[in-house]
Amino acid sequence: MDIVYIKELEIRTVIGIYDWEREIKQTVSIDLDMATDIRPAAATEDISKTLDYKAVSKRLIAFVEEAEFLLIETMAEQMAAIILSEFPVGWLRLRLGKPGAVTGARDVGVIIERGQQPERLPRL
């Protein structure tokens, strides 16, 4: 199985449990590894035969910018559900970070894996 990835996708949204967080937009950062088979696209150079990372990015940006969440856990689960249901992805690993949320830390967040994990992931 192959991995199509998106790294450090930054989106502004309303996220957080504190009153002041509900009044502003903050940046979240997304890293996404998605298992798919790239061989049909590689053999034909046909974008319709692969996972279009631009389409995934645009879908996530539209969703996250319009939504409001209390918890990053909820946001991560909903993003994973969208990807698995709308794109040819059998498994994903999603890292969702909230930079600057903790004083002294560059980033905090969650990493989730959803779907049927391939037997062998490519080495990075």
PDB file of N, CA and C in Angstrom:
ATOM      1  N   MET A   1       0.852  -1.187   0.000  1.00  0.00           N
ATOM      2  CA  MET A   1       0.000   0.000   0.000  1.00  0.00           C
ATOM      3  C   MET A   1       0.886   1.235   0.000  1.00  0.00           C
ATOM      4  N   ASP A   2       0.368   2.297  -0.553  1.00  0.00           N
ATOM      5  CA  ASP A   2       1.103   3.548  -0.682  1.00  0.00           C
ATOM      6  C   ASP A   2       0.488   4.600   0.235  1.00  0.00           C
ATOM      7  N   ILE A   3       1.255   5.642   0.493  1.00  0.00           N
ATOM      8  CA  ILE A   3       0.798   6.738   1.341  1.00  0.00           C
ATOM      9  C   ILE A   3       0.829   8.036   0.545  1.00  0.00           C
ATOM     10  N   VAL A   4      -0.290   8.716   0.517  1.00  0.00           N
ATOM     11  CA  VAL A   4      -0.359  10.093   0.041  1.00  0.00           C
ATOM     12  C   VAL A   4      -0.440  10.943   1.299  1.00  0.00           C
ATOM     13  N   TYR A   5       0.379  11.999   1.365  1.00  0.00           N
ATOM     14  CA  TYR A   5       0.392  12.774   2.602  1.00  0.00           C
ATOM     15  C   TYR A   5       0.211  14.261   2.365  1.00  0.00           C
ATOM     16  N   ILE A   6      -0.247  14.914   3.419  1.00  0.00           N
ATOM     17  CA  ILE A   6      -0.351  16.371   3.494  1.00  0.00           C
ATOM     18  C   ILE A   6       0.340  16.748   4.797  1.00  0.00           C
ATOM     19  N   LYS A   7       1.234  17.715   4.752  1.00  0.00           N
ATOM     20  CA  LYS A   7       1.995  18.080   5.950  1.00  0.00           C
ATOM     21  C   LYS A   7       1.840  19.571   6.242  1.00  0.00           C
ATOM     22  N   GLU A   8       1.562  19.853   7.505  1.00  0.00           N
ATOM     23  CA  GLU A   8       1.486  21.215   8.034  1.00  0.00           C
ATOM     24  C   GLU A   8       0.455  22.085   7.314  1.00  0.00           C
ATOM     25  N   LEU A   9      -0.705  21.509   7.058  1.00  0.00           N
ATOM     26  CA  LEU A   9      -1.823  22.284   6.525  1.00  0.00           C
ATOM     27  C   LEU A   9      -2.367  23.129   7.672  1.00  0.00           C
ATOM     28  N   GLU A  10      -2.324  24.450   7.531  1.00  0.00           N
ATOM     29  CA  GLU A  10      -2.777  25.345   8.595  1.00  0.00           C
ATOM     30  C   GLU A  10      -4.112  25.965   8.216  1.00  0.00           C
ATOM     31  N   ILE A  11      -5.054  25.894   9.171  1.00  0.00           N
ATOM     32  CA  ILE A  11      -6.407  26.396   8.953  1.00  0.00           C
ATOM     33  C   ILE A  11      -6.822  27.188  10.188  1.00  0.00           C
ATOM     34  N   ARG A  12      -7.510  28.297   9.971  1.00  0.00           N
ATOM     35  CA  ARG A  12      -8.005  29.108  11.090  1.00  0.00           C
ATOM     36  C   ARG A  12      -9.463  28.747  11.367  1.00  0.00           C
ATOM     37  N   THR A  13      -9.759  28.576  12.662  1.00  0.00           N
ATOM     38  CA  THR A  13     -11.103  28.167  13.067  1.00  0.00           C
ATOM     39  C   THR A  13     -11.346  28.549  14.519  1.00  0.00           C
ATOM     40  N   VAL A  14     -12.584  28.423  14.948  1.00  0.00           N
ATOM     41  CA  VAL A  14     -12.922  28.608  16.359  1.00  0.00           C
ATOM     42  C   VAL A  14     -12.761  27.259  17.038  1.00  0.00           C
ATOM     43  N   ILE A  15     -11.854  27.204  18.014  1.00  0.00           N
ATOM     44  CA  ILE A  15     -11.562  25.953  18.720  1.00  0.00           C
ATOM     45  C   ILE A  15     -11.185  26.270  20.158  1.00  0.00           C
ATOM     46  N   GLY A  16     -11.800  25.570  21.102  1.00  0.00           N
ATOM     47  CA  GLY A  16     -11.409  25.737  22.495  1.00  0.00           C
ATOM     48  C   GLY A  16     -12.587  25.758  23.439  1.00  0.00           C
ATOM     49  N   ILE A  17     -12.265  25.557  24.711  1.00  0.00           N
ATOM     50  CA  ILE A  17     -13.297  25.470  25.746  1.00  0.00           C
ATOM     51  C   ILE A  17     -13.469  26.762  26.538  1.00  0.00           C
ATOM     52  N   TYR A  18     -12.509  27.662  26.438  1.00  0.00           N
ATOM     53  CA  TYR A  18     -12.574  28.896  27.228  1.00  0.00           C
ATOM     54  C   TYR A  18     -13.367  29.968  26.485  1.00  0.00           C
ATOM     55  N   ASP A  19     -14.024  30.833  27.255  1.00  0.00           N
ATOM     56  CA  ASP A  19     -14.856  31.877  26.654  1.00  0.00           C
ATOM     57  C   ASP A  19     -14.086  32.708  25.633  1.00  0.00           C
ATOM     58  N   TRP A  20     -12.859  33.092  25.962  1.00  0.00           N
ATOM     59  CA  TRP A  20     -12.077  33.933  25.043  1.00  0.00           C
ATOM     60  C   TRP A  20     -11.759  33.196  23.741  1.00  0.00           C
ATOM     61  N   GLU A  21     -11.648  31.860  23.819  1.00  0.00           N
ATOM     62  CA  GLU A  21     -11.365  31.081  22.611  1.00  0.00           C
ATOM     63  C   GLU A  21     -12.571  31.020  21.674  1.00  0.00           C
ATOM     64  N   ARG A  22     -13.754  31.187  22.226  1.00  0.00           N
ATOM     65  CA  ARG A  22     -14.976  31.127  21.425  1.00  0.00           C
ATOM     66  C   ARG A  22     -15.192  32.417  20.637  1.00  0.00           C
ATOM     67  N   GLU A  23     -14.389  33.453  20.936  1.00  0.00           N
ATOM     68  CA  GLU A  23     -14.564  34.759  20.308  1.00  0.00           C
ATOM     69  C   GLU A  23     -13.538  35.048  19.216  1.00  0.00           C
ATOM     70  N   ILE A  24     -12.567  34.157  19.036  1.00  0.00           N
ATOM     71  CA  ILE A  24     -11.505  34.393  18.054  1.00  0.00           C
ATOM     72  C   ILE A  24     -11.282  33.141  17.207  1.00  0.00           C
ATOM     73  N   LYS A  25     -10.601  33.339  16.091  1.00  0.00           N
ATOM     74  CA  LYS A  25     -10.163  32.188  15.301  1.00  0.00           C
ATOM     75  C   LYS A  25      -8.707  31.912  15.641  1.00  0.00           C
ATOM     76  N   GLN A  26      -8.397  30.627  15.797  1.00  0.00           N
ATOM     77  CA  GLN A  26      -7.038  30.193  16.074  1.00  0.00           C
ATOM     78  C   GLN A  26      -6.587  29.268  14.945  1.00  0.00           C
ATOM     79  N   THR A  27      -5.280  29.120  14.824  1.00  0.00           N
ATOM     80  CA  THR A  27      -4.729  28.250  13.796  1.00  0.00           C
ATOM     81  C   THR A  27      -4.589  26.830  14.323  1.00  0.00           C
ATOM     82  N   VAL A  28      -5.044  25.874  13.535  1.00  0.00           N
ATOM     83  CA  VAL A  28      -4.753  24.465  13.799  1.00  0.00           C
ATOM     84  C   VAL A  28      -3.851  23.975  12.674  1.00  0.00           C
ATOM     85  N   SER A  29      -3.032  22.977  12.983  1.00  0.00           N
ATOM     86  CA  SER A  29      -2.084  22.425  12.020  1.00  0.00           C
ATOM     87  C   SER A  29      -2.382  20.942  11.829  1.00  0.00           C
ATOM     88  N   ILE A  30      -2.406  20.512  10.571  1.00  0.00           N
ATOM     89  CA  ILE A  30      -2.792  19.139  10.254  1.00  0.00           C
ATOM     90  C   ILE A  30      -1.693  18.450   9.459  1.00  0.00           C
ATOM     91  N   ASP A  31      -1.323  17.256   9.903  1.00  0.00           N
ATOM     92  CA  ASP A  31      -0.503  16.331   9.119  1.00  0.00           C
ATOM     93  C   ASP A  31      -1.379  15.118   8.859  1.00  0.00           C
ATOM     94  N   LEU A  32      -1.355  14.627   7.642  1.00  0.00           N
ATOM     95  CA  LEU A  32      -2.259  13.553   7.272  1.00  0.00           C
ATOM     96  C   LEU A  32      -1.540  12.548   6.387  1.00  0.00           C
ATOM     97  N   ASP A  33      -1.551  11.279   6.791  1.00  0.00           N
ATOM     98  CA  ASP A  33      -1.060  10.171   5.973  1.00  0.00           C
ATOM     99  C   ASP A  33      -2.277   9.344   5.580  1.00  0.00           C
ATOM    100  N   MET A  34      -2.435   9.095   4.272  1.00  0.00           N
ATOM    101  CA  MET A  34      -3.606   8.376   3.782  1.00  0.00           C
ATOM    102  C   MET A  34      -3.168   7.207   2.912  1.00  0.00           C
ATOM    103  N   ALA A  35      -3.616   6.001   3.263  1.00  0.00           N
ATOM    104  CA  ALA A  35      -3.253   4.802   2.508  1.00  0.00           C
ATOM    105  C   ALA A  35      -4.153   4.674   1.287  1.00  0.00           C
ATOM    106  N   THR A  36      -3.509   4.490   0.143  1.00  0.00           N
ATOM    107  CA  THR A  36      -4.223   4.321  -1.120  1.00  0.00           C
ATOM    108  C   THR A  36      -3.287   3.625  -2.102  1.00  0.00           C
ATOM    109  N   ASP A  37      -3.801   3.199  -3.211  1.00  0.00           N
ATOM    110  CA  ASP A  37      -2.979   2.542  -4.228  1.00  0.00           C
ATOM    111  C   ASP A  37      -2.706   3.543  -5.348  1.00  0.00           C
ATOM    112  N   ILE A  38      -1.450   3.965  -5.498  1.00  0.00           N
ATOM    113  CA  ILE A  38      -1.121   4.964  -6.518  1.00  0.00           C
ATOM    114  C   ILE A  38      -0.746   4.346  -7.866  1.00  0.00           C
ATOM    115  N   ARG A  39      -0.658   3.015  -7.939  1.00  0.00           N
ATOM    116  CA  ARG A  39      -0.191   2.375  -9.177  1.00  0.00           C
ATOM    117  C   ARG A  39      -1.040   2.685 -10.409  1.00  0.00           C
ATOM    118  N   PRO A  40      -2.380   2.674 -10.322  1.00  0.00           N
ATOM    119  CA  PRO A  40      -3.160   2.999 -11.522  1.00  0.00           C
ATOM    120  C   PRO A  40      -2.855   4.405 -12.064  1.00  0.00           C
ATOM    121  N   ALA A  41      -2.703   5.367 -11.182  1.00  0.00           N
ATOM    122  CA  ALA A  41      -2.382   6.726 -11.623  1.00  0.00           C
ATOM    123  C   ALA A  41      -0.969   6.804 -12.180  1.00  0.00           C
ATOM    124  N   ALA A  42      -0.036   6.115 -11.543  1.00  0.00           N
ATOM    125  CA  ALA A  42       1.351   6.131 -12.011  1.00  0.00           C
ATOM    126  C   ALA A  42       1.472   5.518 -13.402  1.00  0.00           C
ATOM    127  N   ALA A  43       0.686   4.503 -13.670  1.00  0.00           N
ATOM    128  CA  ALA A  43       0.749   3.826 -14.966  1.00  0.00           C
ATOM    129  C   ALA A  43       0.124   4.651 -16.092  1.00  0.00           C
ATOM    130  N   THR A  44      -0.838   5.509 -15.740  1.00  0.00           N
ATOM    131  CA  THR A  44      -1.584   6.240 -16.768  1.00  0.00           C
ATOM    132  C   THR A  44      -1.402   7.754 -16.714  1.00  0.00           C
ATOM    133  N   GLU A  45      -0.831   8.250 -15.623  1.00  0.00           N
ATOM    134  CA  GLU A  45      -0.733   9.695 -15.363  1.00  0.00           C
ATOM    135  C   GLU A  45      -2.111  10.362 -15.413  1.00  0.00           C
ATOM    136  N   ASP A  46      -3.094   9.650 -14.879  1.00  0.00           N
ATOM    137  CA  ASP A  46      -4.477  10.132 -14.840  1.00  0.00           C
ATOM    138  C   ASP A  46      -4.829  10.467 -13.393  1.00  0.00           C
ATOM    139  N   ILE A  47      -5.031  11.755 -13.106  1.00  0.00           N
ATOM    140  CA  ILE A  47      -5.312  12.209 -11.740  1.00  0.00           C
ATOM    141  C   ILE A  47      -6.584  11.580 -11.179  1.00  0.00           C
ATOM    142  N   SER A  48      -7.521  11.218 -12.046  1.00  0.00           N
ATOM    143  CA  SER A  48      -8.772  10.629 -11.557  1.00  0.00           C
ATOM    144  C   SER A  48      -8.566   9.227 -10.993  1.00  0.00           C
ATOM    145  N   LYS A  49      -7.380   8.653 -11.208  1.00  0.00           N
ATOM    146  CA  LYS A  49      -7.103   7.303 -10.716  1.00  0.00           C
ATOM    147  C   LYS A  49      -6.250   7.300  -9.455  1.00  0.00           C
ATOM    148  N   THR A  50      -6.184   8.429  -8.787  1.00  0.00           N
ATOM    149  CA  THR A  50      -5.408   8.498  -7.552  1.00  0.00           C
ATOM    150  C   THR A  50      -6.162   9.321  -6.525  1.00  0.00           C
ATOM    151  N   LEU A  51      -5.603   9.436  -5.357  1.00  0.00           N
ATOM    152  CA  LEU A  51      -6.145  10.283  -4.307  1.00  0.00           C
ATOM    153  C   LEU A  51      -5.634  11.698  -4.555  1.00  0.00           C
ATOM    154  N   ASP A  52      -6.520  12.603  -4.824  1.00  0.00           N
ATOM    155  CA  ASP A  52      -6.167  13.986  -5.146  1.00  0.00           C
ATOM    156  C   ASP A  52      -5.978  14.767  -3.843  1.00  0.00           C
ATOM    157  N   TYR A  53      -4.725  15.006  -3.468  1.00  0.00           N
ATOM    158  CA  TYR A  53      -4.453  15.679  -2.198  1.00  0.00           C
ATOM    159  C   TYR A  53      -4.957  17.116  -2.193  1.00  0.00           C
ATOM    160  N   LYS A  54      -5.052  17.742  -3.351  1.00  0.00           N
ATOM    161  CA  LYS A  54      -5.615  19.093  -3.407  1.00  0.00           C
ATOM    162  C   LYS A  54      -7.101  19.060  -3.054  1.00  0.00           C
ATOM    163  N   ALA A  55      -7.826  18.072  -3.575  1.00  0.00           N
ATOM    164  CA  ALA A  55      -9.253  17.943  -3.260  1.00  0.00           C
ATOM    165  C   ALA A  55      -9.460  17.656  -1.774  1.00  0.00           C
ATOM    166  N   VAL A  56      -8.610  16.801  -1.196  1.00  0.00           N
ATOM    167  CA  VAL A  56      -8.697  16.516   0.241  1.00  0.00           C
ATOM    168  C   VAL A  56      -8.448  17.795   1.031  1.00  0.00           C
ATOM    169  N   SER A  57      -7.402  18.524   0.677  1.00  0.00           N
ATOM    170  CA  SER A  57      -7.066  19.766   1.381  1.00  0.00           C
ATOM    171  C   SER A  57      -8.204  20.775   1.305  1.00  0.00           C
ATOM    172  N   LYS A  58      -8.755  20.975   0.103  1.00  0.00           N
ATOM    173  CA  LYS A  58      -9.846  21.930  -0.061  1.00  0.00           C
ATOM    174  C   LYS A  58     -11.063  21.534   0.767  1.00  0.00           C
ATOM    175  N   ARG A  59     -11.353  20.235   0.822  1.00  0.00           N
ATOM    176  CA  ARG A  59     -12.508  19.762   1.602  1.00  0.00           C
ATOM    177  C   ARG A  59     -12.293  20.020   3.086  1.00  0.00           C
ATOM    178  N   LEU A  60     -11.085  19.723   3.582  1.00  0.00           N
ATOM    179  CA  LEU A  60     -10.797  19.949   4.998  1.00  0.00           C
ATOM    180  C   LEU A  60     -10.816  21.435   5.337  1.00  0.00           C
ATOM    181  N   ILE A  61     -10.236  22.262   4.477  1.00  0.00           N
ATOM    182  CA  ILE A  61     -10.233  23.709   4.723  1.00  0.00           C
ATOM    183  C   ILE A  61     -11.663  24.231   4.813  1.00  0.00           C
ATOM    184  N   ALA A  62     -12.508  23.863   3.865  1.00  0.00           N
ATOM    185  CA  ALA A  62     -13.902  24.321   3.870  1.00  0.00           C
ATOM    186  C   ALA A  62     -14.621  23.880   5.137  1.00  0.00           C
ATOM    187  N   PHE A  63     -14.425  22.629   5.528  1.00  0.00           N
ATOM    188  CA  PHE A  63     -15.093  22.100   6.718  1.00  0.00           C
ATOM    189  C   PHE A  63     -14.613  22.794   7.985  1.00  0.00           C
ATOM    190  N   VAL A  64     -13.305  22.850   8.183  1.00  0.00           N
ATOM    191  CA  VAL A  64     -12.747  23.377   9.436  1.00  0.00           C
ATOM    192  C   VAL A  64     -13.002  24.875   9.569  1.00  0.00           C
ATOM    193  N   GLU A  65     -12.888  25.630   8.480  1.00  0.00           N
ATOM    194  CA  GLU A  65     -13.121  27.076   8.564  1.00  0.00           C
ATOM    195  C   GLU A  65     -14.551  27.413   8.964  1.00  0.00           C
ATOM    196  N   GLU A  66     -15.502  26.596   8.556  1.00  0.00           N
ATOM    197  CA  GLU A  66     -16.908  26.872   8.852  1.00  0.00           C
ATOM    198  C   GLU A  66     -17.366  26.305  10.192  1.00  0.00           C
ATOM    199  N   ALA A  67     -16.684  25.287  10.678  1.00  0.00           N
ATOM    200  CA  ALA A  67     -17.105  24.607  11.907  1.00  0.00           C
ATOM    201  C   ALA A  67     -16.547  25.314  13.141  1.00  0.00           C
ATOM    202  N   GLU A  68     -17.134  24.999  14.277  1.00  0.00           N
ATOM    203  CA  GLU A  68     -16.621  25.449  15.574  1.00  0.00           C
ATOM    204  C   GLU A  68     -16.597  24.239  16.489  1.00  0.00           C
ATOM    205  N   PHE A  69     -15.501  24.097  17.231  1.00  0.00           N
ATOM    206  CA  PHE A  69     -15.343  22.943  18.108  1.00  0.00           C
ATOM    207  C   PHE A  69     -14.885  23.379  19.485  1.00  0.00           C
ATOM    208  N   LEU A  70     -15.266  22.599  20.477  1.00  0.00           N
ATOM    209  CA  LEU A  70     -14.720  22.773  21.817  1.00  0.00           C
ATOM    210  C   LEU A  70     -13.404  22.020  21.939  1.00  0.00           C
ATOM    211  N   LEU A  71     -13.368  20.803  21.406  1.00  0.00           N
ATOM    212  CA  LEU A  71     -12.208  19.925  21.580  1.00  0.00           C
ATOM    213  C   LEU A  71     -11.570  19.558  20.246  1.00  0.00           C
ATOM    214  N   ILE A  72     -10.240  19.463  20.244  1.00  0.00           N
ATOM    215  CA  ILE A  72      -9.551  19.011  19.035  1.00  0.00           C
ATOM    216  C   ILE A  72      -9.846  17.538  18.770  1.00  0.00           C
ATOM    217  N   GLU A  73     -10.173  16.795  19.811  1.00  0.00           N
ATOM    218  CA  GLU A  73     -10.530  15.388  19.630  1.00  0.00           C
ATOM    219  C   GLU A  73     -11.752  15.248  18.722  1.00  0.00           C
ATOM    220  N   THR A  74     -12.751  16.095  18.951  1.00  0.00           N
ATOM    221  CA  THR A  74     -13.959  16.075  18.126  1.00  0.00           C
ATOM    222  C   THR A  74     -13.637  16.467  16.691  1.00  0.00           C
ATOM    223  N   MET A  75     -12.843  17.507  16.538  1.00  0.00           N
ATOM    224  CA  MET A  75     -12.456  17.953  15.197  1.00  0.00           C
ATOM    225  C   MET A  75     -11.717  16.850  14.450  1.00  0.00           C
ATOM    226  N   ALA A  76     -10.779  16.190  15.114  1.00  0.00           N
ATOM    227  CA  ALA A  76      -9.998  15.117  14.478  1.00  0.00           C
ATOM    228  C   ALA A  76     -10.905  13.976  14.029  1.00  0.00           C
ATOM    229  N   GLU A  77     -11.819  13.555  14.886  1.00  0.00           N
ATOM    230  CA  GLU A  77     -12.732  12.460  14.534  1.00  0.00           C
ATOM    231  C   GLU A  77     -13.600  12.821  13.336  1.00  0.00           C
ATOM    232  N   GLN A  78     -14.110  14.038  13.305  1.00  0.00           N
ATOM    233  CA  GLN A  78     -14.982  14.437  12.199  1.00  0.00           C
ATOM    234  C   GLN A  78     -14.208  14.577  10.894  1.00  0.00           C
ATOM    235  N   MET A  79     -12.977  15.078  10.956  1.00  0.00           N
ATOM    236  CA  MET A  79     -12.157  15.148   9.747  1.00  0.00           C
ATOM    237  C   MET A  79     -11.854  13.747   9.219  1.00  0.00           C
ATOM    238  N   ALA A  80     -11.511  12.831  10.105  1.00  0.00           N
ATOM    239  CA  ALA A  80     -11.224  11.455   9.686  1.00  0.00           C
ATOM    240  C   ALA A  80     -12.449  10.823   9.032  1.00  0.00           C
ATOM    241  N   ALA A  81     -13.617  11.042   9.607  1.00  0.00           N
ATOM    242  CA  ALA A  81     -14.850  10.480   9.043  1.00  0.00           C
ATOM    243  C   ALA A  81     -15.119  11.024   7.642  1.00  0.00           C
ATOM    244  N   ILE A  82     -14.884  12.304   7.435  1.00  0.00           N
ATOM    245  CA  ILE A  82     -15.074  12.904   6.107  1.00  0.00           C
ATOM    246  C   ILE A  82     -14.138  12.263   5.096  1.00  0.00           C
ATOM    247  N   ILE A  83     -12.873  12.155   5.442  1.00  0.00           N
ATOM    248  CA  ILE A  83     -11.888  11.607   4.503  1.00  0.00           C
ATOM    249  C   ILE A  83     -12.216  10.163   4.147  1.00  0.00           C
ATOM    250  N   LEU A  84     -12.513   9.355   5.164  1.00  0.00           N
ATOM    251  CA  LEU A  84     -12.783   7.939   4.912  1.00  0.00           C
ATOM    252  C   LEU A  84     -14.066   7.723   4.110  1.00  0.00           C
ATOM    253  N   SER A  85     -15.030   8.608   4.260  1.00  0.00           N
ATOM    254  CA  SER A  85     -16.302   8.418   3.554  1.00  0.00           C
ATOM    255  C   SER A  85     -16.329   9.061   2.165  1.00  0.00           C
ATOM    256  N   GLU A  86     -15.512  10.074   1.931  1.00  0.00           N
ATOM    257  CA  GLU A  86     -15.601  10.814   0.673  1.00  0.00           C
ATOM    258  C   GLU A  86     -14.447  10.574  -0.299  1.00  0.00           C
ATOM    259  N   PHE A  87     -13.393   9.913   0.154  1.00  0.00           N
ATOM    260  CA  PHE A  87     -12.210   9.729  -0.691  1.00  0.00           C
ATOM    261  C   PHE A  87     -11.772   8.264  -0.670  1.00  0.00           C
ATOM    262  N   PRO A  88     -11.018   7.821  -1.684  1.00  0.00           N
ATOM    263  CA  PRO A  88     -10.570   6.421  -1.742  1.00  0.00           C
ATOM    264  C   PRO A  88      -9.408   6.149  -0.789  1.00  0.00           C
ATOM    265  N   VAL A  89      -9.730   6.196   0.501  1.00  0.00           N
ATOM    266  CA  VAL A  89      -8.738   6.011   1.565  1.00  0.00           C
ATOM    267  C   VAL A  89      -9.227   4.884   2.462  1.00  0.00           C
ATOM    268  N   GLY A  90      -8.390   3.878   2.656  1.00  0.00           N
ATOM    269  CA  GLY A  90      -8.766   2.769   3.522  1.00  0.00           C
ATOM    270  C   GLY A  90      -8.282   2.921   4.951  1.00  0.00           C
ATOM    271  N   TRP A  91      -7.252   3.739   5.132  1.00  0.00           N
ATOM    272  CA  TRP A  91      -6.653   3.954   6.449  1.00  0.00           C
ATOM    273  C   TRP A  91      -6.021   5.338   6.452  1.00  0.00           C
ATOM    274  N   LEU A  92      -6.037   5.971   7.621  1.00  0.00           N
ATOM    275  CA  LEU A  92      -5.362   7.262   7.736  1.00  0.00           C
ATOM    276  C   LEU A  92      -4.771   7.450   9.119  1.00  0.00           C
ATOM    277  N   ARG A  93      -3.742   8.271   9.152  1.00  0.00           N
ATOM    278  CA  ARG A  93      -3.162   8.765  10.411  1.00  0.00           C
ATOM    279  C   ARG A  93      -3.251  10.284  10.328  1.00  0.00           C
ATOM    280  N   LEU A  94      -3.919  10.878  11.312  1.00  0.00           N
ATOM    281  CA  LEU A  94      -4.137  12.316  11.322  1.00  0.00           C
ATOM    282  C   LEU A  94      -3.537  12.906  12.587  1.00  0.00           C
ATOM    283  N   ARG A  95      -2.672  13.901  12.402  1.00  0.00           N
ATOM    284  CA  ARG A  95      -2.132  14.650  13.537  1.00  0.00           C
ATOM    285  C   ARG A  95      -2.754  16.028  13.480  1.00  0.00           C
ATOM    286  N   LEU A  96      -3.426  16.398  14.560  1.00  0.00           N
ATOM    287  CA  LEU A  96      -4.065  17.704  14.652  1.00  0.00           C
ATOM    288  C   LEU A  96      -3.428  18.454  15.804  1.00  0.00           C
ATOM    289  N   GLY A  97      -2.780  19.559  15.486  1.00  0.00           N
ATOM    290  CA  GLY A  97      -2.096  20.345  16.501  1.00  0.00           C
ATOM    291  C   GLY A  97      -2.747  21.698  16.696  1.00  0.00           C
ATOM    292  N   LYS A  98      -2.571  22.209  17.904  1.00  0.00           N
ATOM    293  CA  LYS A  98      -3.059  23.540  18.263  1.00  0.00           C
ATOM    294  C   LYS A  98      -1.849  24.329  18.763  1.00  0.00           C
ATOM    295  N   PRO A  99      -1.097  24.933  17.837  1.00  0.00           N
ATOM    296  CA  PRO A  99       0.127  25.646  18.213  1.00  0.00           C
ATOM    297  C   PRO A  99      -0.158  26.769  19.212  1.00  0.00           C
ATOM    298  N   GLY A 100       0.727  26.889  20.203  1.00  0.00           N
ATOM    299  CA  GLY A 100       0.615  27.970  21.169  1.00  0.00           C
ATOM    300  C   GLY A 100      -0.417  27.759  22.254  1.00  0.00           C
ATOM    301  N   ALA A 101      -1.048  26.606  22.314  1.00  0.00           N
ATOM    302  CA  ALA A 101      -2.100  26.374  23.307  1.00  0.00           C
ATOM    303  C   ALA A 101      -1.549  26.224  24.720  1.00  0.00           C
ATOM    304  N   VAL A 102      -0.308  25.786  24.834  1.00  0.00           N
ATOM    305  CA  VAL A 102       0.323  25.605  26.141  1.00  0.00           C
ATOM    306  C   VAL A 102       1.595  26.448  26.174  1.00  0.00           C
ATOM    307  N   THR A 103       1.712  27.289  27.173  1.00  0.00           N
ATOM    308  CA  THR A 103       2.899  28.126  27.319  1.00  0.00           C
ATOM    309  C   THR A 103       4.142  27.256  27.413  1.00  0.00           C
ATOM    310  N   GLY A 104       5.132  27.585  26.604  1.00  0.00           N
ATOM    311  CA  GLY A 104       6.386  26.838  26.618  1.00  0.00           C
ATOM    312  C   GLY A 104       6.432  25.686  25.636  1.00  0.00           C
ATOM    313  N   ALA A 105       5.290  25.321  25.063  1.00  0.00           N
ATOM    314  CA  ALA A 105       5.249  24.235  24.072  1.00  0.00           C
ATOM    315  C   ALA A 105       4.968  24.836  22.697  1.00  0.00           C
ATOM    316  N   ARG A 106       5.687  24.370  21.702  1.00  0.00           N
ATOM    317  CA  ARG A 106       5.440  24.851  20.338  1.00  0.00           C
ATOM    318  C   ARG A 106       4.073  24.396  19.845  1.00  0.00           C
ATOM    319  N   ASP A 107       3.675  23.179  20.231  1.00  0.00           N
ATOM    320  CA  ASP A 107       2.443  22.608  19.697  1.00  0.00           C
ATOM    321  C   ASP A 107       1.940  21.532  20.649  1.00  0.00           C
ATOM    322  N   VAL A 108       0.638  21.368  20.709  1.00  0.00           N
ATOM    323  CA  VAL A 108       0.001  20.259  21.427  1.00  0.00           C
ATOM    324  C   VAL A 108      -1.111  19.734  20.534  1.00  0.00           C
ATOM    325  N   GLY A 109      -1.535  18.502  20.765  1.00  0.00           N
ATOM    326  CA  GLY A 109      -2.609  17.987  19.936  1.00  0.00           C
ATOM    327  C   GLY A 109      -2.846  16.510  20.107  1.00  0.00           C
ATOM    328  N   VAL A 110      -3.461  15.925  19.093  1.00  0.00           N
ATOM    329  CA  VAL A 110      -3.776  14.503  19.093  1.00  0.00           C
ATOM    330  C   VAL A 110      -3.313  13.878  17.784  1.00  0.00           C
ATOM    331  N   ILE A 111      -3.048  12.584  17.843  1.00  0.00           N
ATOM    332  CA  ILE A 111      -2.780  11.783  16.652  1.00  0.00           C
ATOM    333  C   ILE A 111      -3.749  10.616  16.696  1.00  0.00           C
ATOM    334  N   ILE A 112      -4.520  10.447  15.620  1.00  0.00           N
ATOM    335  CA  ILE A 112      -5.449   9.323  15.562  1.00  0.00           C
ATOM    336  C   ILE A 112      -5.177   8.513  14.304  1.00  0.00           C
ATOM    337  N   GLU A 113      -5.492   7.235  14.370  1.00  0.00           N
ATOM    338  CA  GLU A 113      -5.451   6.347  13.212  1.00  0.00           C
ATOM    339  C   GLU A 113      -6.835   5.732  13.074  1.00  0.00           C
ATOM    340  N   ARG A 114      -7.371   5.774  11.865  1.00  0.00           N
ATOM    341  CA  ARG A 114      -8.703   5.227  11.613  1.00  0.00           C
ATOM    342  C   ARG A 114      -8.685   4.429  10.318  1.00  0.00           C
ATOM    343  N   GLY A 115      -9.597   3.467  10.227  1.00  0.00           N
ATOM    344  CA  GLY A 115      -9.707   2.631   9.044  1.00  0.00           C
ATOM    345  C   GLY A 115      -8.942   1.337   9.219  1.00  0.00           C
ATOM    346  N   GLN A 116      -8.880   0.577   8.144  1.00  0.00           N
ATOM    347  CA  GLN A 116      -8.193  -0.713   8.130  1.00  0.00           C
ATOM    348  C   GLN A 116      -6.728  -0.479   7.796  1.00  0.00           C
ATOM    349  N   GLN A 117      -5.862  -0.683   8.784  1.00  0.00           N
ATOM    350  CA  GLN A 117      -4.439  -0.437   8.571  1.00  0.00           C
ATOM    351  C   GLN A 117      -3.860  -1.444   7.584  1.00  0.00           C
ATOM    352  N   PRO A 118      -3.122  -0.962   6.593  1.00  0.00           N
ATOM    353  CA  PRO A 118      -2.477  -1.875   5.648  1.00  0.00           C
ATOM    354  C   PRO A 118      -1.511  -2.792   6.381  1.00  0.00           C
ATOM    355  N   GLU A 119      -1.283  -3.971   5.802  1.00  0.00           N
ATOM    356  CA  GLU A 119      -0.368  -4.925   6.435  1.00  0.00           C
ATOM    357  C   GLU A 119       1.035  -4.363   6.554  1.00  0.00           C
ATOM    358  N   ARG A 120       1.444  -3.599   5.572  1.00  0.00           N
ATOM    359  CA  ARG A 120       2.793  -3.060   5.592  1.00  0.00           C
ATOM    360  C   ARG A 120       2.760  -1.620   5.099  1.00  0.00           C
ATOM    361  N   LEU A 121       3.135  -0.707   5.981  1.00  0.00           N
ATOM    362  CA  LEU A 121       3.207   0.691   5.596  1.00  0.00           C
ATOM    363  C   LEU A 121       4.585   0.989   5.022  1.00  0.00           C
ATOM    364  N   PRO A 122       4.658   1.905   4.074  1.00  0.00           N
ATOM    365  CA  PRO A 122       5.968   2.275   3.532  1.00  0.00           C
ATOM    366  C   PRO A 122       6.850   2.892   4.612  1.00  0.00           C
ATOM    367  N   ARG A 123       8.142   2.651   4.520  1.00  0.00           N
ATOM    368  CA  ARG A 123       9.086   3.282   5.445  1.00  0.00           C
ATOM    369  C   ARG A 123       9.350   4.703   4.980  1.00  0.00           C
ATOM    370  N   LEU A 124       9.388   5.612   5.938  1.00  0.00           N
ATOM    371  CA  LEU A 124       9.657   7.016   5.599  1.00  0.00           C
ATOM    372  C   LEU A 124      11.062   7.385   5.983  1.00  0.00           C
TER     373      LEU A 124
END
